[in-house]
Protein backbone atom coordinates (compact mmCIF):
# COMPACT_ATOMS: atom_id res chain seq x y z
CA UNK A 1 -2.19 -19.44 -8.14
CA UNK A 2 -5.36 -17.47 -7.59
CA UNK A 3 -7.01 -18.86 -4.46
CA UNK A 4 -10.54 -20.24 -4.58
CA UNK A 5 -13.27 -18.46 -2.68
CA UNK A 6 -13.74 -21.05 0.04
CA UNK A 7 -10.73 -21.92 2.18
CA UNK A 8 -11.50 -25.66 2.07
CA UNK A 9 -11.65 -25.62 -1.71
CA UNK A 10 -8.42 -23.61 -1.79
CA UNK A 11 -6.74 -26.27 0.36
CA UNK A 12 -7.95 -29.01 -1.97
CA UNK A 13 -6.76 -27.06 -4.99
CA UNK A 14 -3.31 -26.56 -3.49
CA UNK A 15 -3.04 -30.23 -2.52
CA UNK A 16 -4.13 -31.32 -6.00
CA UNK A 17 -1.59 -29.07 -7.66
CA UNK A 18 1.16 -30.33 -5.38
CA UNK A 19 0.35 -33.90 -6.36
CA UNK A 20 0.59 -32.93 -10.04
CA UNK A 21 3.97 -31.25 -9.84
CA UNK A 22 6.68 -30.83 -7.25
CA UNK A 23 6.77 -27.49 -5.45
CA UNK A 24 9.06 -26.39 -2.66
CA UNK A 25 6.98 -23.43 -1.60
CA UNK A 26 3.42 -22.13 -1.47
CA UNK A 27 3.25 -18.37 -1.13
CA UNK A 28 0.10 -16.53 -0.04
CA UNK A 29 -0.95 -12.97 0.75
CA UNK A 30 -4.07 -13.48 2.87
CA UNK A 31 -4.76 -15.11 6.22
CA UNK A 32 -7.48 -17.39 4.84
CA UNK A 33 -5.12 -18.67 2.15
CA UNK A 34 -2.37 -19.28 4.71
CA UNK A 35 -4.81 -21.43 6.69
CA UNK A 36 -5.76 -23.23 3.47
CA UNK A 37 -2.11 -23.88 2.61
CA UNK A 38 -1.52 -25.35 6.05
CA UNK A 39 -4.58 -27.56 5.61
CA UNK A 40 -3.16 -28.72 2.27
CA UNK A 41 -0.22 -30.17 4.19
CA UNK A 42 -2.65 -32.59 5.82
CA UNK A 43 -4.31 -33.39 2.50
CA UNK A 44 -0.97 -34.10 0.85
CA UNK A 45 1.21 -35.44 3.70
CA UNK A 46 3.61 -37.07 1.24
CA UNK A 47 4.60 -33.60 -0.04
CA UNK A 48 7.03 -31.39 1.82
CA UNK A 49 6.72 -27.69 1.11
CA UNK A 50 7.24 -24.35 2.78
CA UNK A 51 4.32 -22.00 3.44
CA UNK A 52 5.37 -18.40 3.04
CA UNK A 53 3.14 -15.44 3.87
CA UNK A 54 3.96 -12.31 1.91
CA UNK A 55 2.24 -9.43 3.65
CA UNK A 56 0.96 -6.89 1.08
CA UNK A 57 2.19 -3.31 1.18
CA UNK A 58 0.09 -0.85 3.19
CA UNK A 59 -1.60 -3.60 5.17
CA UNK A 60 -2.72 -3.37 8.76
CA UNK A 61 -2.13 -6.24 11.22
CA UNK A 62 -4.57 -9.05 10.50
CA UNK A 63 -7.20 -9.50 13.17
CA UNK A 64 -6.65 -13.22 13.69
CA UNK A 65 -3.00 -13.47 12.66
CA UNK A 66 -2.18 -14.84 16.10
CA UNK A 67 -3.64 -18.20 15.15
CA UNK A 68 -0.54 -18.71 12.98
CA UNK A 69 1.90 -17.96 15.82
CA UNK A 70 2.63 -21.65 16.47
CA UNK A 71 2.55 -22.75 12.84
CA UNK A 72 5.62 -23.49 10.74
CA UNK A 73 5.37 -20.61 8.27
CA UNK A 74 7.76 -18.02 6.88
CA UNK A 75 6.80 -14.35 7.04
CA UNK A 76 7.89 -11.84 4.41
CA UNK A 77 7.26 -8.17 5.17
CA UNK A 78 7.52 -5.19 2.79
CA UNK A 79 8.70 -2.84 5.55
CA UNK A 80 10.02 -2.65 9.09
CA UNK A 81 6.72 -0.97 10.04
CA UNK A 82 4.69 -4.04 9.15
CA UNK A 83 7.14 -6.47 10.72
CA UNK A 84 6.86 -4.57 13.99
CA UNK A 85 3.08 -4.27 13.67
CA UNK A 86 2.58 -8.01 13.15
CA UNK A 87 5.11 -8.93 15.81
CA UNK A 88 6.40 -12.05 14.04
CA UNK A 89 9.92 -12.99 13.10
CA UNK A 90 10.50 -12.85 9.37
CA UNK A 91 12.40 -11.27 6.56
CA UNK A 92 11.96 -7.79 5.15
CA UNK A 93 11.92 -7.41 1.38
CA UNK A 94 11.45 -3.69 0.97
CA UNK A 95 11.20 -2.08 -2.45
CA UNK A 96 14.03 0.27 -3.34
CA UNK A 97 11.98 3.44 -3.37
CA UNK A 98 14.02 6.59 -2.62
CA UNK A 99 12.38 9.47 -0.79
CA UNK A 100 13.58 13.06 -1.02
CA UNK A 101 13.12 16.23 1.01
CA UNK A 102 11.62 19.43 -0.35
CA UNK A 103 12.15 22.44 1.88
CA UNK A 104 11.87 25.27 -0.63
CA UNK A 105 8.74 27.37 -1.07
CA UNK A 106 6.96 27.92 -4.36
CA UNK A 107 6.99 24.25 -5.35
CA UNK A 108 4.28 22.23 -7.08
CA UNK A 109 3.31 19.00 -5.37
CA UNK A 110 1.06 16.18 -6.50
CA UNK A 111 -0.57 13.29 -4.70
CA UNK A 112 -2.12 10.33 -6.49
CA UNK A 113 -4.35 9.02 -3.78
CA UNK A 114 -6.89 6.35 -3.06
CA UNK A 115 -9.48 5.54 -0.43
CA UNK A 116 -7.27 4.54 2.51
CA UNK A 117 -7.23 5.90 6.09
CA UNK A 118 -3.59 6.96 5.93
CA UNK A 119 -4.22 8.77 2.63
CA UNK A 120 -6.67 11.13 4.32
CA UNK A 121 -4.22 11.80 7.14
CA UNK A 122 -1.50 12.61 4.63
CA UNK A 123 -3.87 14.91 2.76
CA UNK A 124 -4.80 16.76 5.94
CA UNK A 125 -1.12 17.25 6.84
CA UNK A 126 -0.32 18.32 3.28
CA UNK A 127 -3.05 20.96 3.32
CA UNK A 128 -1.69 22.43 6.54
CA UNK A 129 1.80 22.51 5.04
CA UNK A 130 0.54 24.26 1.91
CA UNK A 131 -1.21 26.85 4.09
CA UNK A 132 2.02 27.45 6.00
CA UNK A 133 3.90 28.11 2.77
CA UNK A 134 3.74 31.29 0.76
CA UNK A 135 3.06 30.02 -2.72
CA UNK A 136 3.37 26.23 -2.92
CA UNK A 137 0.59 24.36 -4.73
CA UNK A 138 -0.86 20.89 -4.21
CA UNK A 139 -2.58 18.95 -7.02
CA UNK A 140 -4.76 16.08 -5.82
CA UNK A 141 -5.56 13.21 -8.20
CA UNK A 142 -7.78 10.23 -7.49
CA UNK A 143 -11.17 9.19 -6.19
CA UNK A 144 -11.98 9.65 -2.53
CA UNK A 145 -15.06 9.10 -0.39
CA UNK A 146 -17.00 12.31 0.15
CA UNK A 147 -17.51 11.82 3.88
CA UNK A 148 -13.75 11.66 4.39
CA UNK A 149 -12.58 14.23 1.86
CA UNK A 150 -15.14 17.01 2.49
CA UNK A 151 -13.60 17.96 5.87
CA UNK A 152 -10.31 18.45 4.05
CA UNK A 153 -12.02 20.57 1.39
CA UNK A 154 -13.70 22.69 4.08
CA UNK A 155 -10.35 23.07 5.81
CA UNK A 156 -8.85 24.44 2.58
CA UNK A 157 -11.65 26.98 2.43
CA UNK A 158 -11.14 27.99 6.06
CA UNK A 159 -7.42 28.46 5.41
CA UNK A 160 -8.23 30.42 2.23
CA UNK A 161 -6.03 28.22 0.04
CA UNK A 162 -8.67 26.93 -2.40
CA UNK A 163 -6.59 28.38 -5.24
CA UNK A 164 -3.52 26.45 -4.11
CA UNK A 165 -5.09 23.03 -3.52
CA UNK A 166 -6.47 21.77 -6.84
CA UNK A 167 -8.78 18.73 -6.96
CA UNK A 168 -8.65 16.84 -10.26
CA UNK A 169 -10.65 13.70 -9.49
CA UNK A 170 -10.10 10.66 -11.69
CA UNK A 171 -10.40 12.35 -15.08
CA UNK A 172 -7.04 13.90 -15.83
CA UNK A 173 -4.16 13.79 -18.27
CA UNK A 174 -1.51 11.63 -16.62
CA UNK A 175 1.42 13.01 -18.61
CA UNK A 176 0.39 16.59 -17.87
CA UNK A 177 -0.06 15.76 -14.21
CA UNK A 178 3.50 14.49 -14.05
CA UNK A 179 4.86 17.52 -15.89
CA UNK A 180 2.99 19.90 -13.59
CA UNK A 181 4.71 18.85 -10.36
CA UNK A 182 8.12 19.11 -8.78
CA UNK A 183 7.54 16.36 -6.23
CA UNK A 184 4.98 13.62 -5.64
CA UNK A 185 3.72 13.03 -2.11
CA UNK A 186 3.61 9.39 -1.02
CA UNK A 187 -0.07 8.65 -0.41
CA UNK A 188 0.31 5.71 2.00
CA UNK A 189 2.92 4.03 4.20
CA UNK A 190 4.52 2.09 1.36
CA UNK A 191 4.37 2.89 -2.36
CA UNK A 192 1.27 1.78 -4.21
CA UNK A 193 1.44 0.07 -7.61
CA UNK A 194 0.58 3.36 -9.34
CA UNK A 195 3.32 5.17 -7.42
CA UNK A 196 5.87 2.56 -8.45
CA UNK A 197 4.99 3.30 -12.07
CA UNK A 198 5.25 7.04 -11.46
CA UNK A 199 8.62 6.65 -9.74
CA UNK A 200 9.91 4.55 -12.64
CA UNK A 201 9.24 7.50 -14.94
CA UNK A 202 11.67 9.57 -12.93
CA UNK A 203 9.44 11.49 -10.52
CA UNK A 204 10.82 12.28 -7.08
CA UNK A 205 8.75 11.28 -4.06
CA UNK A 206 8.57 12.82 -0.61
CA UNK A 207 6.92 11.46 2.54
CA UNK A 208 5.68 14.86 3.71
CA UNK A 209 5.62 18.48 2.61
């Protein structure tokens, strides 16, 4: 279900749905919806159901997640990183996403990024790696915030590698972008939806250059 905007209304919606049909489990991806699902238990006490919290990929620990520490909920994490970061017992359902190593010089790399703190860190590290190589090239695809990306652009200029770090923005030929790279650099901690599509095509991913 798509949760309603207000938590109280979400709880009522869940309870109403549970009264209409039997459900063994309510699964949510946000803290406010977890609270709503727990409230629905009180609104529909005759129904017995599990509340499962599936933490989205590339999340950071939720600010008030501790309020669920004593609640009867099941946690599902997409990685060991997030399980450790949240500090709750739970299961890990990681996506089978193989990562490779690329140690040779003269390779063409691509990164399909987005506006996320870790993406800028990965870009900064990638630029330094390109500068340390002799002839490797990095193609950057995606839309980034100017205040975060301009320091990286200036760093490329200072390192004199403007010709080996190519910025394509959001207007590019996807098929050509895939053909023009040997490896794709993972843009965040866990694969994004776009990267899952790219990997399904047969592209090889690396976690760092």
